[in-house]
Amino acid sequence: YEVNIMNFDSYIFDFDGTLIDTTTCHVKATQSAFKRLNLDEPTEQAILHTYHLNLYNNFKALASHELSFYQIEKLIDEYNHCFSNDEIHQSKEYTGISEVLKFLHNQKKKIFVVSNKETLTTQKYLDYLGLSRFITDSLGVCIKNEDKLLCETIQNLIQKHHLMIGKTVYIGDTAQDIKSANQAHVQTCAVTWGAQSAHELLHEDPHYVVNDPEEFLTIL
C-alpha cells in the first residue's frame, strides 16, 4: 500500500485509536457508567472486545440483559461525564502523532478530528495533550442511536469547510470508520495501531493502510 499523502489538502482524523490512546479511559468510564446505573459491570476483556463499535451498539452488546433506548442514553451520558472529567489523565497520544500533525500543519494542510465523543470532550483531550494548535476543527458525533452514521458527520465537515472531496482523506482505525468514509466518497486510510487488525480493516477496502505513525512521515 503506497501512501502519497501529500496529494491531499484536508485530513480528517478519527480521535480514539487513531490519534489518541484512550483505551484505559474507555474501560474505566464504561465500568463506572454501568456501576452508577446499578447494572452488571462488564469485564475489561468484554469492553475491549466491543471497543470498535459506536457507543450505542457497544453498551447494547455489553449489557447482561436487554436495555431500553432510554437506559442506553443514560449510560452514554454517564460515560461521557466520566470520560470527560475523571479519566483524561489516563490518555496519551500514539508515539509520533504530534510530529505528523505538526508536519501537515506546517505544509498548510487542513486537519480535522471527528469523534464519537461530544465535541467539548474531544476538544478537552486535544487541549490536554497539546494537539489543538494543529487542528482546524473538531467535531463530535456523540452517537445516541445506530442510524446516526459517521458518514453524515464527514459530509457535514466537507460542507461546512467547503472541502474538495477528491482532495480529502479520512484516517481511522475501525472497519466501520472506513466503511462510513467510503460512503462519504473520500479517500480512506486505515491505521493498524488502534482497535482492529489490518486483516479486519482490509474487508472494507481502504485506499491506504499505515502500520505506524512514522510511516506517514517516511512516505511524505
C-alpha atoms as a PDB file:
ATOM      1  CA  TYR A   1       0.000   0.000   0.000  1.00  0.00           C
ATOM      2  CA  GLU A   2       1.668   3.134  -1.270  1.00  0.00           C
ATOM      3  CA  VAL A   3       0.583   6.299   0.555  1.00  0.00           C
ATOM      4  CA  ASN A   4       1.315   9.531  -1.249  1.00  0.00           C
ATOM      5  CA  ILE A   5      -0.392  11.538   1.432  1.00  0.00           C
ATOM      6  CA  MET A   6       0.754  14.884   0.023  1.00  0.00           C
ATOM      7  CA  ASN A   7      -1.876  14.532  -2.698  1.00  0.00           C
ATOM      8  CA  PHE A   8      -4.407  15.802  -0.157  1.00  0.00           C
ATOM      9  CA  ASP A   9      -5.328  19.252   1.155  1.00  0.00           C
ATOM     10  CA  SER A  10      -7.536  18.087   4.016  1.00  0.00           C
ATOM     11  CA  TYR A  11      -7.030  15.313   6.566  1.00  0.00           C
ATOM     12  CA  ILE A  12      -9.896  14.050   8.723  1.00  0.00           C
ATOM     13  CA  PHE A  13      -8.569  12.005  11.641  1.00  0.00           C
ATOM     14  CA  ASP A  14     -10.562   9.736  13.891  1.00  0.00           C
ATOM     15  CA  PHE A  15      -9.940  10.510  17.573  1.00  0.00           C
ATOM     16  CA  ASP A  16      -9.827   7.357  19.765  1.00  0.00           C
ATOM     17  CA  GLY A  17      -7.488   4.654  18.494  1.00  0.00           C
ATOM     18  CA  THR A  18      -6.018   6.825  15.730  1.00  0.00           C
ATOM     19  CA  LEU A  19      -4.611   9.994  17.307  1.00  0.00           C
ATOM     20  CA  ILE A  20      -5.004   9.221  20.976  1.00  0.00           C
ATOM     21  CA  ASP A  21      -4.825   6.038  23.034  1.00  0.00           C
ATOM     22  CA  THR A  22      -7.855   6.283  25.301  1.00  0.00           C
ATOM     23  CA  THR A  23      -8.185   2.539  25.967  1.00  0.00           C
ATOM     24  CA  THR A  24      -7.789   2.829  29.757  1.00  0.00           C
ATOM     25  CA  CYS A  25     -10.101   5.878  29.875  1.00  0.00           C
ATOM     26  CA  HIS A  26     -12.721   3.959  27.879  1.00  0.00           C
ATOM     27  CA  VAL A  27     -12.589   0.850  30.093  1.00  0.00           C
ATOM     28  CA  LYS A  28     -12.821   2.821  33.347  1.00  0.00           C
ATOM     29  CA  ALA A  29     -15.549   5.182  32.081  1.00  0.00           C
ATOM     30  CA  THR A  30     -17.606   2.213  30.793  1.00  0.00           C
ATOM     31  CA  GLN A  31     -17.351   0.317  34.087  1.00  0.00           C
ATOM     32  CA  SER A  32     -18.156   3.480  36.040  1.00  0.00           C
ATOM     33  CA  ALA A  33     -21.260   4.206  33.891  1.00  0.00           C
ATOM     34  CA  PHE A  34     -22.648   0.673  34.379  1.00  0.00           C
ATOM     35  CA  LYS A  35     -21.914   0.811  38.111  1.00  0.00           C
ATOM     36  CA  ARG A  36     -23.648   4.190  38.549  1.00  0.00           C
ATOM     37  CA  LEU A  37     -26.807   2.830  36.911  1.00  0.00           C
ATOM     38  CA  ASN A  38     -26.696  -0.330  39.083  1.00  0.00           C
ATOM     39  CA  LEU A  39     -26.058  -2.554  36.080  1.00  0.00           C
ATOM     40  CA  ASP A  40     -23.677  -5.529  35.988  1.00  0.00           C
ATOM     41  CA  GLU A  41     -20.182  -4.153  35.414  1.00  0.00           C
ATOM     42  CA  PRO A  42     -18.611  -5.595  32.242  1.00  0.00           C
ATOM     43  CA  THR A  43     -15.090  -7.011  32.380  1.00  0.00           C
ATOM     44  CA  GLU A  44     -12.142  -5.232  30.780  1.00  0.00           C
ATOM     45  CA  GLN A  45     -11.834  -8.108  28.290  1.00  0.00           C
ATOM     46  CA  ALA A  46     -15.510  -7.749  27.226  1.00  0.00           C
ATOM     47  CA  ILE A  47     -15.152  -3.962  26.892  1.00  0.00           C
ATOM     48  CA  LEU A  48     -12.052  -4.246  24.696  1.00  0.00           C
ATOM     49  CA  HIS A  49     -13.819  -6.837  22.549  1.00  0.00           C
ATOM     50  CA  THR A  50     -16.575  -4.336  21.633  1.00  0.00           C
ATOM     51  CA  TYR A  51     -14.273  -1.282  21.521  1.00  0.00           C
ATOM     52  CA  HIS A  52     -14.643  -0.884  17.746  1.00  0.00           C
ATOM     53  CA  LEU A  53     -18.436  -0.368  17.965  1.00  0.00           C
ATOM     54  CA  ASN A  54     -20.104   3.003  18.408  1.00  0.00           C
ATOM     55  CA  LEU A  55     -21.194   3.722  21.993  1.00  0.00           C
ATOM     56  CA  TYR A  56     -24.848   2.821  21.435  1.00  0.00           C
ATOM     57  CA  ASN A  57     -24.113  -0.633  19.980  1.00  0.00           C
ATOM     58  CA  ASN A  58     -21.235  -1.049  22.395  1.00  0.00           C
ATOM     59  CA  PHE A  59     -23.380  -0.698  25.513  1.00  0.00           C
ATOM     60  CA  LYS A  60     -26.161  -2.749  23.955  1.00  0.00           C
ATOM     61  CA  ALA A  61     -23.682  -5.600  23.464  1.00  0.00           C
ATOM     62  CA  LEU A  62     -22.106  -5.278  26.934  1.00  0.00           C
ATOM     63  CA  ALA A  63     -25.339  -5.283  28.938  1.00  0.00           C
ATOM     64  CA  SER A  64     -26.186  -8.545  30.723  1.00  0.00           C
ATOM     65  CA  HIS A  65     -29.870  -8.062  29.786  1.00  0.00           C
ATOM     66  CA  GLU A  66     -31.727  -6.046  27.154  1.00  0.00           C
ATOM     67  CA  LEU A  67     -31.747  -2.310  27.823  1.00  0.00           C
ATOM     68  CA  SER A  68     -34.278   0.285  26.717  1.00  0.00           C
ATOM     69  CA  PHE A  69     -33.266   3.159  24.454  1.00  0.00           C
ATOM     70  CA  TYR A  70     -33.629   5.465  27.479  1.00  0.00           C
ATOM     71  CA  GLN A  71     -31.286   3.316  29.598  1.00  0.00           C
ATOM     72  CA  ILE A  72     -28.657   3.287  26.854  1.00  0.00           C
ATOM     73  CA  GLU A  73     -28.956   7.077  26.562  1.00  0.00           C
ATOM     74  CA  LYS A  74     -28.428   7.364  30.341  1.00  0.00           C
ATOM     75  CA  LEU A  75     -25.386   5.073  30.093  1.00  0.00           C
ATOM     76  CA  ILE A  76     -23.918   7.221  27.312  1.00  0.00           C
ATOM     77  CA  ASP A  77     -24.471  10.382  29.380  1.00  0.00           C
ATOM     78  CA  GLU A  78     -22.793   8.814  32.438  1.00  0.00           C
ATOM     79  CA  TYR A  79     -19.960   7.507  30.276  1.00  0.00           C
ATOM     80  CA  ASN A  80     -19.377  10.903  28.625  1.00  0.00           C
ATOM     81  CA  HIS A  81     -19.348  12.634  32.007  1.00  0.00           C
ATOM     82  CA  CYS A  82     -16.824  10.190  33.433  1.00  0.00           C
ATOM     83  CA  PHE A  83     -14.707  10.062  30.260  1.00  0.00           C
ATOM     84  CA  SER A  84     -14.600  13.857  30.049  1.00  0.00           C
ATOM     85  CA  ASN A  85     -13.950  14.650  33.703  1.00  0.00           C
ATOM     86  CA  ASP A  86     -12.373  11.709  35.512  1.00  0.00           C
ATOM     87  CA  GLU A  87     -10.207   9.798  33.065  1.00  0.00           C
ATOM     88  CA  ILE A  88      -8.437  12.397  30.918  1.00  0.00           C
ATOM     89  CA  HIS A  89      -5.103  11.870  32.737  1.00  0.00           C
ATOM     90  CA  GLN A  90      -5.049   8.247  31.508  1.00  0.00           C
ATOM     91  CA  SER A  91      -4.910   9.316  27.844  1.00  0.00           C
ATOM     92  CA  LYS A  92      -1.786   9.542  25.684  1.00  0.00           C
ATOM     93  CA  GLU A  93      -1.033  10.292  22.058  1.00  0.00           C
ATOM     94  CA  TYR A  94       0.321   7.462  19.941  1.00  0.00           C
ATOM     95  CA  THR A  95       4.077   7.908  19.524  1.00  0.00           C
ATOM     96  CA  GLY A  96       4.848  10.124  16.554  1.00  0.00           C
ATOM     97  CA  ILE A  97       1.356  11.592  16.113  1.00  0.00           C
ATOM     98  CA  SER A  98       2.262  15.159  17.155  1.00  0.00           C
ATOM     99  CA  GLU A  99       5.169  15.119  14.661  1.00  0.00           C
ATOM    100  CA  VAL A 100       2.799  14.076  11.875  1.00  0.00           C
ATOM    101  CA  LEU A 101       0.247  16.775  12.765  1.00  0.00           C
ATOM    102  CA  LYS A 102       2.975  19.413  13.069  1.00  0.00           C
ATOM    103  CA  PHE A 103       4.403  18.456   9.664  1.00  0.00           C
ATOM    104  CA  LEU A 104       0.994  18.588   7.948  1.00  0.00           C
ATOM    105  CA  HIS A 105       0.195  21.874   9.716  1.00  0.00           C
ATOM    106  CA  ASN A 106       3.495  23.387   8.521  1.00  0.00           C
ATOM    107  CA  GLN A 107       2.632  22.267   4.983  1.00  0.00           C
ATOM    108  CA  LYS A 108      -0.554  24.406   5.299  1.00  0.00           C
ATOM    109  CA  LYS A 109      -2.795  21.334   5.249  1.00  0.00           C
ATOM    110  CA  LYS A 110      -6.194  21.455   6.965  1.00  0.00           C
ATOM    111  CA  ILE A 111      -6.511  18.974   9.822  1.00  0.00           C
ATOM    112  CA  PHE A 112      -9.852  17.880  11.271  1.00  0.00           C
ATOM    113  CA  VAL A 113     -10.802  15.490  14.050  1.00  0.00           C
ATOM    114  CA  VAL A 114     -14.051  13.537  14.300  1.00  0.00           C
ATOM    115  CA  SER A 115     -15.026  11.573  17.352  1.00  0.00           C
ATOM    116  CA  ASN A 116     -17.930   9.587  18.781  1.00  0.00           C
ATOM    117  CA  LYS A 117     -17.446  11.658  21.932  1.00  0.00           C
ATOM    118  CA  GLU A 118     -19.048  15.057  22.491  1.00  0.00           C
ATOM    119  CA  THR A 119     -17.259  17.907  20.704  1.00  0.00           C
ATOM    120  CA  LEU A 120     -16.293  19.596  24.009  1.00  0.00           C
ATOM    121  CA  THR A 121     -14.805  16.354  25.350  1.00  0.00           C
ATOM    122  CA  THR A 122     -12.786  15.836  22.177  1.00  0.00           C
ATOM    123  CA  GLN A 123     -11.527  19.429  22.401  1.00  0.00           C
ATOM    124  CA  LYS A 124     -10.636  18.969  26.068  1.00  0.00           C
ATOM    125  CA  TYR A 125      -8.456  15.914  25.286  1.00  0.00           C
ATOM    126  CA  LEU A 126      -6.777  17.647  22.334  1.00  0.00           C
ATOM    127  CA  ASP A 127      -6.019  20.640  24.598  1.00  0.00           C
ATOM    128  CA  TYR A 128      -4.733  18.395  27.398  1.00  0.00           C
ATOM    129  CA  LEU A 129      -2.309  16.639  25.040  1.00  0.00           C
ATOM    130  CA  GLY A 130      -1.242  19.860  23.316  1.00  0.00           C
ATOM    131  CA  LEU A 131      -2.570  18.859  19.879  1.00  0.00           C
ATOM    132  CA  SER A 132      -5.214  21.604  19.475  1.00  0.00           C
ATOM    133  CA  ARG A 133      -2.796  24.045  17.882  1.00  0.00           C
ATOM    134  CA  PHE A 134      -2.602  21.859  14.759  1.00  0.00           C
ATOM    135  CA  ILE A 135      -6.359  21.293  14.366  1.00  0.00           C
ATOM    136  CA  THR A 136      -8.589  23.362  12.058  1.00  0.00           C
ATOM    137  CA  ASP A 137     -11.817  21.992  13.564  1.00  0.00           C
ATOM    138  CA  SER A 138     -13.014  19.056  15.660  1.00  0.00           C
ATOM    139  CA  LEU A 139     -16.481  17.562  15.656  1.00  0.00           C
ATOM    140  CA  GLY A 140     -18.122  15.056  17.978  1.00  0.00           C
ATOM    141  CA  VAL A 141     -20.715  12.668  16.625  1.00  0.00           C
ATOM    142  CA  CYS A 142     -21.952  11.595  20.065  1.00  0.00           C
ATOM    143  CA  ILE A 143     -23.908   8.709  18.562  1.00  0.00           C
ATOM    144  CA  LYS A 144     -27.037   8.024  20.564  1.00  0.00           C
ATOM    145  CA  ASN A 145     -28.565   5.682  18.055  1.00  0.00           C
ATOM    146  CA  GLU A 146     -27.189   3.368  15.431  1.00  0.00           C
ATOM    147  CA  ASP A 147     -28.733   5.252  12.491  1.00  0.00           C
ATOM    148  CA  LYS A 148     -26.600   8.348  13.031  1.00  0.00           C
ATOM    149  CA  LEU A 149     -23.673   7.488  10.825  1.00  0.00           C
ATOM    150  CA  LEU A 150     -20.165   8.868  10.778  1.00  0.00           C
ATOM    151  CA  CYS A 151     -20.745   9.311   7.051  1.00  0.00           C
ATOM    152  CA  GLU A 152     -23.096  12.258   7.788  1.00  0.00           C
ATOM    153  CA  THR A 153     -20.525  13.885  10.070  1.00  0.00           C
ATOM    154  CA  ILE A 154     -17.847  13.673   7.387  1.00  0.00           C
ATOM    155  CA  GLN A 155     -20.281  15.148   4.842  1.00  0.00           C
ATOM    156  CA  ASN A 156     -21.180  17.967   7.291  1.00  0.00           C
ATOM    157  CA  LEU A 157     -17.493  18.754   7.755  1.00  0.00           C
ATOM    158  CA  ILE A 158     -16.942  18.824   3.980  1.00  0.00           C
ATOM    159  CA  GLN A 159     -19.884  21.220   3.507  1.00  0.00           C
ATOM    160  CA  LYS A 160     -19.006  23.439   6.481  1.00  0.00           C
ATOM    161  CA  HIS A 161     -15.401  23.966   5.342  1.00  0.00           C
ATOM    162  CA  HIS A 162     -16.011  23.734   1.574  1.00  0.00           C
ATOM    163  CA  LEU A 163     -13.563  20.841   1.221  1.00  0.00           C
ATOM    164  CA  MET A 164     -12.875  19.195  -2.124  1.00  0.00           C
ATOM    165  CA  ILE A 165     -13.877  15.537  -1.852  1.00  0.00           C
ATOM    166  CA  GLY A 166     -11.061  14.399  -4.149  1.00  0.00           C
ATOM    167  CA  LYS A 167      -8.503  16.244  -2.017  1.00  0.00           C
ATOM    168  CA  THR A 168      -9.728  14.900   1.332  1.00  0.00           C
ATOM    169  CA  VAL A 169      -8.562  11.757   3.155  1.00  0.00           C
ATOM    170  CA  TYR A 170     -10.144  10.156   6.209  1.00  0.00           C
ATOM    171  CA  ILE A 171      -7.842   8.309   8.626  1.00  0.00           C
ATOM    172  CA  GLY A 172      -9.366   5.820  11.084  1.00  0.00           C
ATOM    173  CA  ASP A 173      -8.815   2.596  12.997  1.00  0.00           C
ATOM    174  CA  THR A 174     -12.047   0.591  12.629  1.00  0.00           C
ATOM    175  CA  ALA A 175     -13.781  -1.133   9.750  1.00  0.00           C
ATOM    176  CA  GLN A 176     -16.897   0.961  10.482  1.00  0.00           C
ATOM    177  CA  ASP A 177     -14.798   4.156  10.181  1.00  0.00           C
ATOM    178  CA  ILE A 178     -13.513   3.080   6.776  1.00  0.00           C
ATOM    179  CA  LYS A 179     -16.942   1.926   5.588  1.00  0.00           C
ATOM    180  CA  SER A 180     -18.547   5.260   6.572  1.00  0.00           C
ATOM    181  CA  ALA A 181     -15.779   7.316   4.969  1.00  0.00           C
ATOM    182  CA  ASN A 182     -16.033   5.270   1.758  1.00  0.00           C
ATOM    183  CA  GLN A 183     -19.784   6.049   1.754  1.00  0.00           C
ATOM    184  CA  ALA A 184     -18.890   9.753   2.034  1.00  0.00           C
ATOM    185  CA  HIS A 185     -16.760   9.289  -1.130  1.00  0.00           C
ATOM    186  CA  VAL A 186     -13.494  10.497   0.398  1.00  0.00           C
ATOM    187  CA  GLN A 187     -10.206   8.594   0.213  1.00  0.00           C
ATOM    188  CA  THR A 188      -9.657   6.326   3.211  1.00  0.00           C
ATOM    189  CA  CYS A 189      -6.575   5.411   5.192  1.00  0.00           C
ATOM    190  CA  ALA A 190      -6.707   2.640   7.808  1.00  0.00           C
ATOM    191  CA  VAL A 191      -4.272   2.638  10.726  1.00  0.00           C
ATOM    192  CA  THR A 192      -3.415  -0.679  12.375  1.00  0.00           C
ATOM    193  CA  TRP A 193      -2.388   0.528  15.862  1.00  0.00           C
ATOM    194  CA  GLY A 194      -5.978   1.069  17.077  1.00  0.00           C
ATOM    195  CA  ALA A 195      -8.999  -1.112  17.800  1.00  0.00           C
ATOM    196  CA  GLN A 196      -8.813  -3.516  14.844  1.00  0.00           C
ATOM    197  CA  SER A 197      -6.213  -5.519  12.950  1.00  0.00           C
ATOM    198  CA  ALA A 198      -5.129  -4.938   9.360  1.00  0.00           C
ATOM    199  CA  HIS A 199      -6.951  -8.157   8.420  1.00  0.00           C
ATOM    200  CA  GLU A 200     -10.284  -6.812   9.760  1.00  0.00           C
ATOM    201  CA  LEU A 201      -9.731  -3.370   8.214  1.00  0.00           C
ATOM    202  CA  LEU A 202      -8.957  -4.735   4.739  1.00  0.00           C
ATOM    203  CA  HIS A 203     -12.516  -6.087   4.490  1.00  0.00           C
ATOM    204  CA  GLU A 204     -13.700  -2.514   3.890  1.00  0.00           C
ATOM    205  CA  ASP A 205     -11.159  -1.792   1.116  1.00  0.00           C
ATOM    206  CA  PRO A 206      -9.307   1.250   2.481  1.00  0.00           C
ATOM    207  CA  HIS A 207      -7.327   3.104  -0.182  1.00  0.00           C
ATOM    208  CA  TYR A 208      -4.266   3.133   2.095  1.00  0.00           C
ATOM    209  CA  VAL A 209      -3.014   1.232   5.147  1.00  0.00           C
ATOM    210  CA  VAL A 210      -0.471   2.626   7.621  1.00  0.00           C
ATOM    211  CA  ASN A 211       1.134   0.478  10.334  1.00  0.00           C
ATOM    212  CA  ASP A 212       2.985   3.137  12.308  1.00  0.00           C
ATOM    213  CA  PRO A 213       2.516   6.940  12.663  1.00  0.00           C
ATOM    214  CA  GLU A 214       6.106   7.447  11.485  1.00  0.00           C
ATOM    215  CA  GLU A 215       5.147   5.841   8.153  1.00  0.00           C
ATOM    216  CA  PHE A 216       3.183   8.990   7.350  1.00  0.00           C
ATOM    217  CA  LEU A 217       6.437  10.926   7.509  1.00  0.00           C
ATOM    218  CA  THR A 218       8.716   8.446   5.746  1.00  0.00           C
ATOM    219  CA  ILE A 219       6.315   8.252   2.813  1.00  0.00           C
ATOM    220  CA  LEU A 220       5.590  12.005   2.682  1.00  0.00           C
END
